Amino acid sequence: MPADISSTKGAEKGILFKNSEALEMATKLDTIVLDKTGTITAGKPAVANLIAFAPMIKGQDELLRLGASVERGSEHPLGRAIVAEAEKRGIGLLEPKGFKASKGDGVRGTIGGREVLVGKPKWFVEMGLDSGPARDQIRGLQDQGKTVMVLFLDKELGGLIAVADSVKPESKEAIQALHQLNLKVVMLTGDNEKTARTIASEVGIDEIFAEVRPEEKSSKIKELQNQGERVGMVGDGINDAPALAQADVG
């Protein structure tokens, strides 16, 4: 099909090509990398489970109040989901002091003179904080495809907040169509490997890159290219921009 006709067909479906070279390269791809959140999933995470551990935290409302209060300054979709759940329940939030975000891992702040940390289980392992007593619960939630955030209060395990993001109804069908074009489909996500594998198996992903920090996404694209693969990248967030630029087609 001539480039001008292909460009017109693409425009009719909301796909714009920068130039004819990009269009030609799109026909030579052998690997498609899909960001998980907002591409494979709906990008609308919501709190699914709240598990408070006494005596540090007394009940779900206190767990949510502390978690949402420290997440108020976060721009991450998971943080916004926690804040939204607290607002939905009418839970008044507190103003954290010394807020600090560790990109892609978690947040911390001081509330009422007590240090609150909320983040991925792996983050706390790196800091030497023990979430071992909750290990089985964390794995169980991850096996359900949920993303688990751990809350520590004054360096003591306080609770778990599990967030779920539903898979788009059309994702499985789209991935099947890519397979029919003999394309390998890879999922890229900052989520943990167990959650990533659960979602990957649901939609038919061939390979996953899990627990990838935002700044590492482009290096994963380059890793595939160094193996001789011609890579197309699909993503929807600002954090995806370097990976989209690194890909042969973004």
C-alpha atoms as a PDB file:
ATOM      1  CA  MET A   1       0.000   0.000   0.000  1.00  0.00           C
ATOM      2  CA  PRO A   2       1.484   3.427  -0.947  1.00  0.00           C
ATOM      3  CA  ALA A   3       2.668   5.575   1.982  1.00  0.00           C
ATOM      4  CA  ASP A   4       0.154   8.356   1.346  1.00  0.00           C
ATOM      5  CA  ILE A   5      -2.782   5.930   1.348  1.00  0.00           C
ATOM      6  CA  SER A   6      -1.455   4.202   4.497  1.00  0.00           C
ATOM      7  CA  SER A   7      -1.101   7.567   6.235  1.00  0.00           C
ATOM      8  CA  THR A   8      -4.680   8.428   5.334  1.00  0.00           C
ATOM      9  CA  LYS A   9      -5.933   5.074   6.643  1.00  0.00           C
ATOM     10  CA  GLY A  10      -3.980   5.631   9.858  1.00  0.00           C
ATOM     11  CA  ALA A  11      -5.399   9.133  10.311  1.00  0.00           C
ATOM     12  CA  GLU A  12      -8.921   7.746   9.972  1.00  0.00           C
ATOM     13  CA  LYS A  13      -8.188   5.576  13.042  1.00  0.00           C
ATOM     14  CA  GLY A  14      -6.478   8.357  14.997  1.00  0.00           C
ATOM     15  CA  ILE A  15      -2.908   7.253  14.157  1.00  0.00           C
ATOM     16  CA  LEU A  16      -0.555   9.937  12.853  1.00  0.00           C
ATOM     17  CA  PHE A  17       2.844   9.194  11.282  1.00  0.00           C
ATOM     18  CA  LYS A  18       5.658  11.723  11.594  1.00  0.00           C
ATOM     19  CA  ASN A  19       7.016  10.847   8.156  1.00  0.00           C
ATOM     20  CA  SER A  20       7.058   8.106   5.519  1.00  0.00           C
ATOM     21  CA  GLU A  21      10.259   6.616   7.029  1.00  0.00           C
ATOM     22  CA  ALA A  22       8.430   5.922  10.312  1.00  0.00           C
ATOM     23  CA  LEU A  23       5.602   4.289   8.396  1.00  0.00           C
ATOM     24  CA  GLU A  24       8.042   2.106   6.465  1.00  0.00           C
ATOM     25  CA  MET A  25       9.843   1.084   9.681  1.00  0.00           C
ATOM     26  CA  ALA A  26       6.519   0.046  11.218  1.00  0.00           C
ATOM     27  CA  THR A  27       6.287  -2.721   8.611  1.00  0.00           C
ATOM     28  CA  LYS A  28       9.694  -4.105   9.655  1.00  0.00           C
ATOM     29  CA  LEU A  29       9.094  -4.515  13.387  1.00  0.00           C
ATOM     30  CA  ASP A  30       9.353  -7.913  15.040  1.00  0.00           C
ATOM     31  CA  THR A  31       8.725  -6.895  18.684  1.00  0.00           C
ATOM     32  CA  ILE A  32       6.043  -4.720  20.268  1.00  0.00           C
ATOM     33  CA  VAL A  33       6.585  -3.449  23.833  1.00  0.00           C
ATOM     34  CA  LEU A  34       3.462  -2.406  25.729  1.00  0.00           C
ATOM     35  CA  ASP A  35       3.515  -0.358  28.910  1.00  0.00           C
ATOM     36  CA  LYS A  36       1.096  -1.955  31.393  1.00  0.00           C
ATOM     37  CA  THR A  37      -0.747   0.878  33.109  1.00  0.00           C
ATOM     38  CA  GLY A  38      -3.066   2.743  30.784  1.00  0.00           C
ATOM     39  CA  THR A  39      -2.147   0.600  27.787  1.00  0.00           C
ATOM     40  CA  ILE A  40      -2.957  -2.998  28.711  1.00  0.00           C
ATOM     41  CA  THR A  41      -4.946  -1.962  31.785  1.00  0.00           C
ATOM     42  CA  ALA A  42      -7.526   0.819  32.012  1.00  0.00           C
ATOM     43  CA  GLY A  43      -5.176   3.129  33.907  1.00  0.00           C
ATOM     44  CA  LYS A  44      -7.806   3.696  36.611  1.00  0.00           C
ATOM     45  CA  PRO A  45      -6.440   1.929  39.707  1.00  0.00           C
ATOM     46  CA  ALA A  46      -8.642   1.709  42.793  1.00  0.00           C
ATOM     47  CA  VAL A  47      -8.084   0.471  46.334  1.00  0.00           C
ATOM     48  CA  ALA A  48      -9.195  -3.152  46.618  1.00  0.00           C
ATOM     49  CA  ASN A  49      -7.918  -4.297  50.047  1.00  0.00           C
ATOM     50  CA  LEU A  50      -6.922  -2.638  53.320  1.00  0.00           C
ATOM     51  CA  ILE A  51      -5.162  -4.791  55.919  1.00  0.00           C
ATOM     52  CA  ALA A  52      -4.172  -3.080  59.177  1.00  0.00           C
ATOM     53  CA  PHE A  53      -1.722  -4.659  61.613  1.00  0.00           C
ATOM     54  CA  ALA A  54      -2.349  -4.024  65.297  1.00  0.00           C
ATOM     55  CA  PRO A  55      -1.085  -2.589  67.549  1.00  0.00           C
ATOM     56  CA  MET A  56       0.622  -0.110  65.170  1.00  0.00           C
ATOM     57  CA  ILE A  57      -2.552   0.651  63.205  1.00  0.00           C
ATOM     58  CA  LYS A  58      -6.053   0.338  64.656  1.00  0.00           C
ATOM     59  CA  GLY A  59      -8.380  -0.436  61.771  1.00  0.00           C
ATOM     60  CA  GLN A  60      -8.774   0.265  58.078  1.00  0.00           C
ATOM     61  CA  ASP A  61      -9.750   3.924  58.489  1.00  0.00           C
ATOM     62  CA  GLU A  62      -6.565   4.782  60.375  1.00  0.00           C
ATOM     63  CA  LEU A  63      -4.480   2.876  57.825  1.00  0.00           C
ATOM     64  CA  LEU A  64      -6.151   4.735  54.972  1.00  0.00           C
ATOM     65  CA  ARG A  65      -5.889   8.110  56.736  1.00  0.00           C
ATOM     66  CA  LEU A  66      -2.125   7.733  57.207  1.00  0.00           C
ATOM     67  CA  GLY A  67      -1.519   6.282  53.749  1.00  0.00           C
ATOM     68  CA  ALA A  68      -3.601   8.885  51.934  1.00  0.00           C
ATOM     69  CA  SER A  69      -2.208  11.765  53.984  1.00  0.00           C
ATOM     70  CA  VAL A  70       1.371  10.989  53.007  1.00  0.00           C
ATOM     71  CA  GLU A  71       0.325  10.282  49.401  1.00  0.00           C
ATOM     72  CA  ARG A  72      -1.288  13.724  49.033  1.00  0.00           C
ATOM     73  CA  GLY A  73       1.875  15.087  47.452  1.00  0.00           C
ATOM     74  CA  SER A  74       2.356  12.124  45.094  1.00  0.00           C
ATOM     75  CA  GLU A  75       1.658  12.308  41.363  1.00  0.00           C
ATOM     76  CA  HIS A  76       1.746   8.524  40.965  1.00  0.00           C
ATOM     77  CA  PRO A  77      -1.553   6.862  39.884  1.00  0.00           C
ATOM     78  CA  LEU A  78      -1.398   4.468  42.856  1.00  0.00           C
ATOM     79  CA  GLY A  79      -0.980   7.365  45.259  1.00  0.00           C
ATOM     80  CA  ARG A  80      -3.910   9.192  43.692  1.00  0.00           C
ATOM     81  CA  ALA A  81      -6.021   6.019  44.006  1.00  0.00           C
ATOM     82  CA  ILE A  82      -5.320   5.845  47.748  1.00  0.00           C
ATOM     83  CA  VAL A  83      -6.225   9.519  48.236  1.00  0.00           C
ATOM     84  CA  ALA A  84      -9.418   9.044  46.183  1.00  0.00           C
ATOM     85  CA  GLU A  85     -10.495   6.109  48.369  1.00  0.00           C
ATOM     86  CA  ALA A  86     -10.035   8.169  51.542  1.00  0.00           C
ATOM     87  CA  GLU A  87     -12.053  11.037  50.067  1.00  0.00           C
ATOM     88  CA  LYS A  88     -14.802   8.617  48.993  1.00  0.00           C
ATOM     89  CA  ARG A  89     -15.058   7.357  52.580  1.00  0.00           C
ATOM     90  CA  GLY A  90     -15.091  10.890  53.975  1.00  0.00           C
ATOM     91  CA  ILE A  91     -11.837  10.383  55.875  1.00  0.00           C
ATOM     92  CA  GLY A  92     -10.189  13.692  56.792  1.00  0.00           C
ATOM     93  CA  LEU A  93      -6.546  13.879  55.722  1.00  0.00           C
ATOM     94  CA  LEU A  94      -3.602  15.371  57.586  1.00  0.00           C
ATOM     95  CA  GLU A  95      -0.824  17.555  56.216  1.00  0.00           C
ATOM     96  CA  PRO A  96       2.495  15.656  56.048  1.00  0.00           C
ATOM     97  CA  LYS A  97       5.793  17.369  56.810  1.00  0.00           C
ATOM     98  CA  GLY A  98       9.024  16.619  54.985  1.00  0.00           C
ATOM     99  CA  PHE A  99       7.294  14.853  52.095  1.00  0.00           C
ATOM    100  CA  LYS A 100       9.717  12.998  49.846  1.00  0.00           C
ATOM    101  CA  ALA A 101       9.053  10.696  46.888  1.00  0.00           C
ATOM    102  CA  SER A 102      11.439   7.940  45.839  1.00  0.00           C
ATOM    103  CA  LYS A 103      10.717   7.770  42.121  1.00  0.00           C
ATOM    104  CA  GLY A 104       8.771   4.641  41.271  1.00  0.00           C
ATOM    105  CA  ASP A 105       9.237   3.090  44.733  1.00  0.00           C
ATOM    106  CA  GLY A 106       7.288   4.981  47.381  1.00  0.00           C
ATOM    107  CA  VAL A 107       6.792   8.093  49.479  1.00  0.00           C
ATOM    108  CA  ARG A 108       7.542   9.222  53.003  1.00  0.00           C
ATOM    109  CA  GLY A 109       6.532  12.034  55.308  1.00  0.00           C
ATOM    110  CA  THR A 110       5.994  12.907  58.967  1.00  0.00           C
ATOM    111  CA  ILE A 111       2.454  13.034  60.340  1.00  0.00           C
ATOM    112  CA  GLY A 112       1.844  14.034  63.944  1.00  0.00           C
ATOM    113  CA  GLY A 113       5.538  13.566  64.696  1.00  0.00           C
ATOM    114  CA  ARG A 114       5.567  10.006  63.351  1.00  0.00           C
ATOM    115  CA  GLU A 115       7.336   8.892  60.171  1.00  0.00           C
ATOM    116  CA  VAL A 116       5.048   7.263  57.610  1.00  0.00           C
ATOM    117  CA  LEU A 117       6.391   5.374  54.602  1.00  0.00           C
ATOM    118  CA  VAL A 118       4.228   3.893  51.847  1.00  0.00           C
ATOM    119  CA  GLY A 119       5.703   1.937  48.955  1.00  0.00           C
ATOM    120  CA  LYS A 120       6.506  -1.261  47.160  1.00  0.00           C
ATOM    121  CA  PRO A 121       7.616  -4.290  49.228  1.00  0.00           C
ATOM    122  CA  LYS A 122      10.970  -4.327  47.418  1.00  0.00           C
ATOM    123  CA  TRP A 123      11.681  -0.748  48.511  1.00  0.00           C
ATOM    124  CA  PHE A 124      11.514  -1.740  52.161  1.00  0.00           C
ATOM    125  CA  VAL A 125      13.793  -4.728  51.579  1.00  0.00           C
ATOM    126  CA  GLU A 126      16.368  -2.302  50.138  1.00  0.00           C
ATOM    127  CA  MET A 127      16.016  -0.144  53.267  1.00  0.00           C
ATOM    128  CA  GLY A 128      16.387  -3.120  55.595  1.00  0.00           C
ATOM    129  CA  LEU A 129      12.815  -2.906  56.928  1.00  0.00           C
ATOM    130  CA  ASP A 130      11.105  -6.243  57.533  1.00  0.00           C
ATOM    131  CA  SER A 131       7.680  -6.870  55.985  1.00  0.00           C
ATOM    132  CA  GLY A 132       8.235 -10.625  56.416  1.00  0.00           C
ATOM    133  CA  PRO A 133       5.230 -11.198  58.725  1.00  0.00           C
ATOM    134  CA  ALA A 134       2.992 -10.070  55.841  1.00  0.00           C
ATOM    135  CA  ARG A 135       4.832 -11.997  53.135  1.00  0.00           C
ATOM    136  CA  ASP A 136       2.109 -14.594  52.535  1.00  0.00           C
ATOM    137  CA  GLN A 137      -0.623 -11.947  52.390  1.00  0.00           C
ATOM    138  CA  ILE A 138       1.437  -9.866  49.955  1.00  0.00           C
ATOM    139  CA  ARG A 139       1.980 -12.861  47.669  1.00  0.00           C
ATOM    140  CA  GLY A 140      -1.685 -13.823  47.821  1.00  0.00           C
ATOM    141  CA  LEU A 141      -2.775 -10.354  46.727  1.00  0.00           C
ATOM    142  CA  GLN A 142      -0.139 -10.245  43.981  1.00  0.00           C
ATOM    143  CA  ASP A 143      -1.364 -13.614  42.680  1.00  0.00           C
ATOM    144  CA  GLN A 144      -4.727 -11.895  42.154  1.00  0.00           C
ATOM    145  CA  GLY A 145      -3.039  -9.318  39.898  1.00  0.00           C
ATOM    146  CA  LYS A 146      -3.133  -6.571  42.528  1.00  0.00           C
ATOM    147  CA  THR A 147      -0.370  -4.092  43.316  1.00  0.00           C
ATOM    148  CA  VAL A 148       0.522  -4.122  47.010  1.00  0.00           C
ATOM    149  CA  MET A 149       1.748  -1.044  48.868  1.00  0.00           C
ATOM    150  CA  VAL A 150       3.208  -1.565  52.340  1.00  0.00           C
ATOM    151  CA  LEU A 151       2.866   1.067  55.082  1.00  0.00           C
ATOM    152  CA  PHE A 152       5.464   1.437  57.811  1.00  0.00           C
ATOM    153  CA  LEU A 153       4.919   3.653  60.838  1.00  0.00           C
ATOM    154  CA  ASP A 154       8.084   4.647  62.711  1.00  0.00           C
ATOM    155  CA  LYS A 155       9.894   1.783  60.939  1.00  0.00           C
ATOM    156  CA  GLU A 156       7.327  -0.773  62.166  1.00  0.00           C
ATOM    157  CA  LEU A 157       5.005  -2.696  59.839  1.00  0.00           C
ATOM    158  CA  GLY A 158       1.612  -0.992  59.895  1.00  0.00           C
ATOM    159  CA  GLY A 159      -0.445  -2.442  57.085  1.00  0.00           C
ATOM    160  CA  LEU A 160      -1.036  -3.266  53.438  1.00  0.00           C
ATOM    161  CA  ILE A 161      -2.947  -1.325  50.804  1.00  0.00           C
ATOM    162  CA  ALA A 162      -3.721  -3.338  47.664  1.00  0.00           C
ATOM    163  CA  VAL A 163      -4.667  -1.521  44.485  1.00  0.00           C
ATOM    164  CA  ALA A 164      -6.241  -3.115  41.410  1.00  0.00           C
ATOM    165  CA  ASP A 165      -6.389  -1.853  37.829  1.00  0.00           C
ATOM    166  CA  SER A 166      -8.682  -3.761  35.473  1.00  0.00           C
ATOM    167  CA  VAL A 167      -7.452  -5.080  32.128  1.00  0.00           C
ATOM    168  CA  LYS A 168      -9.003  -3.295  29.128  1.00  0.00           C
ATOM    169  CA  PRO A 169     -11.633  -5.528  27.486  1.00  0.00           C
ATOM    170  CA  GLU A 170      -9.920  -5.181  24.101  1.00  0.00           C
ATOM    171  CA  SER A 171      -6.347  -5.912  25.260  1.00  0.00           C
ATOM    172  CA  LYS A 172      -6.409  -9.684  24.780  1.00  0.00           C
ATOM    173  CA  GLU A 173      -7.908  -9.391  21.292  1.00  0.00           C
ATOM    174  CA  ALA A 174      -5.360  -6.731  20.282  1.00  0.00           C
ATOM    175  CA  ILE A 175      -2.458  -8.885  21.457  1.00  0.00           C
ATOM    176  CA  GLN A 176      -3.844 -11.879  19.559  1.00  0.00           C
ATOM    177  CA  ALA A 177      -3.932  -9.683  16.431  1.00  0.00           C
ATOM    178  CA  LEU A 178      -0.274  -8.754  16.955  1.00  0.00           C
ATOM    179  CA  HIS A 179       0.614 -12.447  17.267  1.00  0.00           C
ATOM    180  CA  GLN A 180      -1.139 -13.111  13.957  1.00  0.00           C
ATOM    181  CA  LEU A 181       1.300 -10.599  12.432  1.00  0.00           C
ATOM    182  CA  ASN A 182       4.168 -12.728  13.851  1.00  0.00           C
ATOM    183  CA  LEU A 183       5.102 -10.042  16.367  1.00  0.00           C
ATOM    184  CA  LYS A 184       6.496 -10.831  19.797  1.00  0.00           C
ATOM    185  CA  VAL A 185       4.655  -8.897  22.510  1.00  0.00           C
ATOM    186  CA  VAL A 186       6.497  -7.692  25.615  1.00  0.00           C
ATOM    187  CA  MET A 187       4.993  -6.006  28.671  1.00  0.00           C
ATOM    188  CA  LEU A 188       6.951  -3.315  30.508  1.00  0.00           C
ATOM    189  CA  THR A 189       5.915  -2.393  34.049  1.00  0.00           C
ATOM    190  CA  GLY A 190       7.134  -1.018  37.328  1.00  0.00           C
ATOM    191  CA  ASP A 191       4.934  -3.555  39.085  1.00  0.00           C
ATOM    192  CA  ASN A 192       6.297  -6.646  40.842  1.00  0.00           C
ATOM    193  CA  GLU A 193       6.908  -9.801  38.850  1.00  0.00           C
ATOM    194  CA  LYS A 194       4.078 -11.874  40.376  1.00  0.00           C
ATOM    195  CA  THR A 195       1.439  -9.258  39.573  1.00  0.00           C
ATOM    196  CA  ALA A 196       2.948  -8.725  36.120  1.00  0.00           C
ATOM    197  CA  ARG A 197       2.876 -12.450  35.339  1.00  0.00           C
ATOM    198  CA  THR A 198      -0.759 -12.734  36.432  1.00  0.00           C
ATOM    199  CA  ILE A 199      -1.805  -9.969  34.033  1.00  0.00           C
ATOM    200  CA  ALA A 200       0.519 -11.234  31.272  1.00  0.00           C
ATOM    201  CA  SER A 201      -1.044 -14.703  31.387  1.00  0.00           C
ATOM    202  CA  GLU A 202      -4.533 -13.187  31.206  1.00  0.00           C
ATOM    203  CA  VAL A 203      -3.873 -11.348  27.936  1.00  0.00           C
ATOM    204  CA  GLY A 204      -1.259 -13.588  26.284  1.00  0.00           C
ATOM    205  CA  ILE A 205       1.977 -11.608  26.700  1.00  0.00           C
ATOM    206  CA  ASP A 206       5.143 -13.415  25.532  1.00  0.00           C
ATOM    207  CA  GLU A 207       7.729 -11.747  27.787  1.00  0.00           C
ATOM    208  CA  ILE A 208       7.722  -9.309  30.698  1.00  0.00           C
ATOM    209  CA  PHE A 209      10.063  -6.721  32.141  1.00  0.00           C
ATOM    210  CA  ALA A 210       8.849  -6.184  35.723  1.00  0.00           C
ATOM    211  CA  GLU A 211       9.934  -3.844  38.554  1.00  0.00           C
ATOM    212  CA  VAL A 212      11.322  -1.389  36.003  1.00  0.00           C
ATOM    213  CA  ARG A 213      11.799   2.140  37.343  1.00  0.00           C
ATOM    214  CA  PRO A 214      10.593   4.986  35.092  1.00  0.00           C
ATOM    215  CA  GLU A 215      14.132   6.038  34.190  1.00  0.00           C
ATOM    216  CA  GLU A 216      15.019   2.447  33.211  1.00  0.00           C
ATOM    217  CA  LYS A 217      12.324   1.981  30.552  1.00  0.00           C
ATOM    218  CA  SER A 218      14.417   3.255  27.637  1.00  0.00           C
ATOM    219  CA  SER A 219      17.323   0.981  28.592  1.00  0.00           C
ATOM    220  CA  LYS A 220      14.999  -2.038  28.341  1.00  0.00           C
ATOM    221  CA  ILE A 221      14.076  -1.001  24.790  1.00  0.00           C
ATOM    222  CA  LYS A 222      17.772  -0.647  23.969  1.00  0.00           C
ATOM    223  CA  GLU A 223      18.445  -4.087  25.486  1.00  0.00           C
ATOM    224  CA  LEU A 224      16.017  -5.649  22.994  1.00  0.00           C
ATOM    225  CA  GLN A 225      17.516  -3.654  20.124  1.00  0.00           C
ATOM    226  CA  ASN A 226      20.995  -4.855  21.075  1.00  0.00           C
ATOM    227  CA  GLN A 227      19.669  -8.405  20.612  1.00  0.00           C
ATOM    228  CA  GLY A 228      18.872  -7.507  16.997  1.00  0.00           C
ATOM    229  CA  GLU A 229      15.158  -6.879  17.489  1.00  0.00           C
ATOM    230  CA  ARG A 230      13.318  -4.042  15.750  1.00  0.00           C
ATOM    231  CA  VAL A 231      11.118  -2.609  18.471  1.00  0.00           C
ATOM    232  CA  GLY A 232       7.840  -0.716  18.514  1.00  0.00           C
ATOM    233  CA  MET A 233       6.872   0.851  21.844  1.00  0.00           C
ATOM    234  CA  VAL A 234       3.338   1.748  22.950  1.00  0.00           C
ATOM    235  CA  GLY A 235       2.789   3.880  26.048  1.00  0.00           C
ATOM    236  CA  ASP A 236       0.605   6.716  27.265  1.00  0.00           C
ATOM    237  CA  GLY A 237       2.446   8.439  30.098  1.00  0.00           C
ATOM    238  CA  ILE A 238       5.083  11.142  30.433  1.00  0.00           C
ATOM    239  CA  ASN A 239       7.400   8.526  31.947  1.00  0.00           C
ATOM    240  CA  ASP A 240       7.165   6.574  28.671  1.00  0.00           C
ATOM    241  CA  ALA A 241       8.581   9.404  26.540  1.00  0.00           C
ATOM    242  CA  PRO A 242      12.286   8.329  26.639  1.00  0.00           C
ATOM    243  CA  ALA A 243      11.325   4.717  25.795  1.00  0.00           C
ATOM    244  CA  LEU A 244       9.079   5.877  22.944  1.00  0.00           C
ATOM    245  CA  ALA A 245      11.988   7.934  21.583  1.00  0.00           C
ATOM    246  CA  GLN A 246      14.446   5.026  21.930  1.00  0.00           C
ATOM    247  CA  ALA A 247      12.182   2.571  20.084  1.00  0.00           C
ATOM    248  CA  ASP A 248      12.408   2.140  16.323  1.00  0.00           C
ATOM    249  CA  VAL A 249       8.758   3.211  16.263  1.00  0.00           C
ATOM    250  CA  GLY A 250       7.019   4.871  19.218  1.00  0.00           C
END
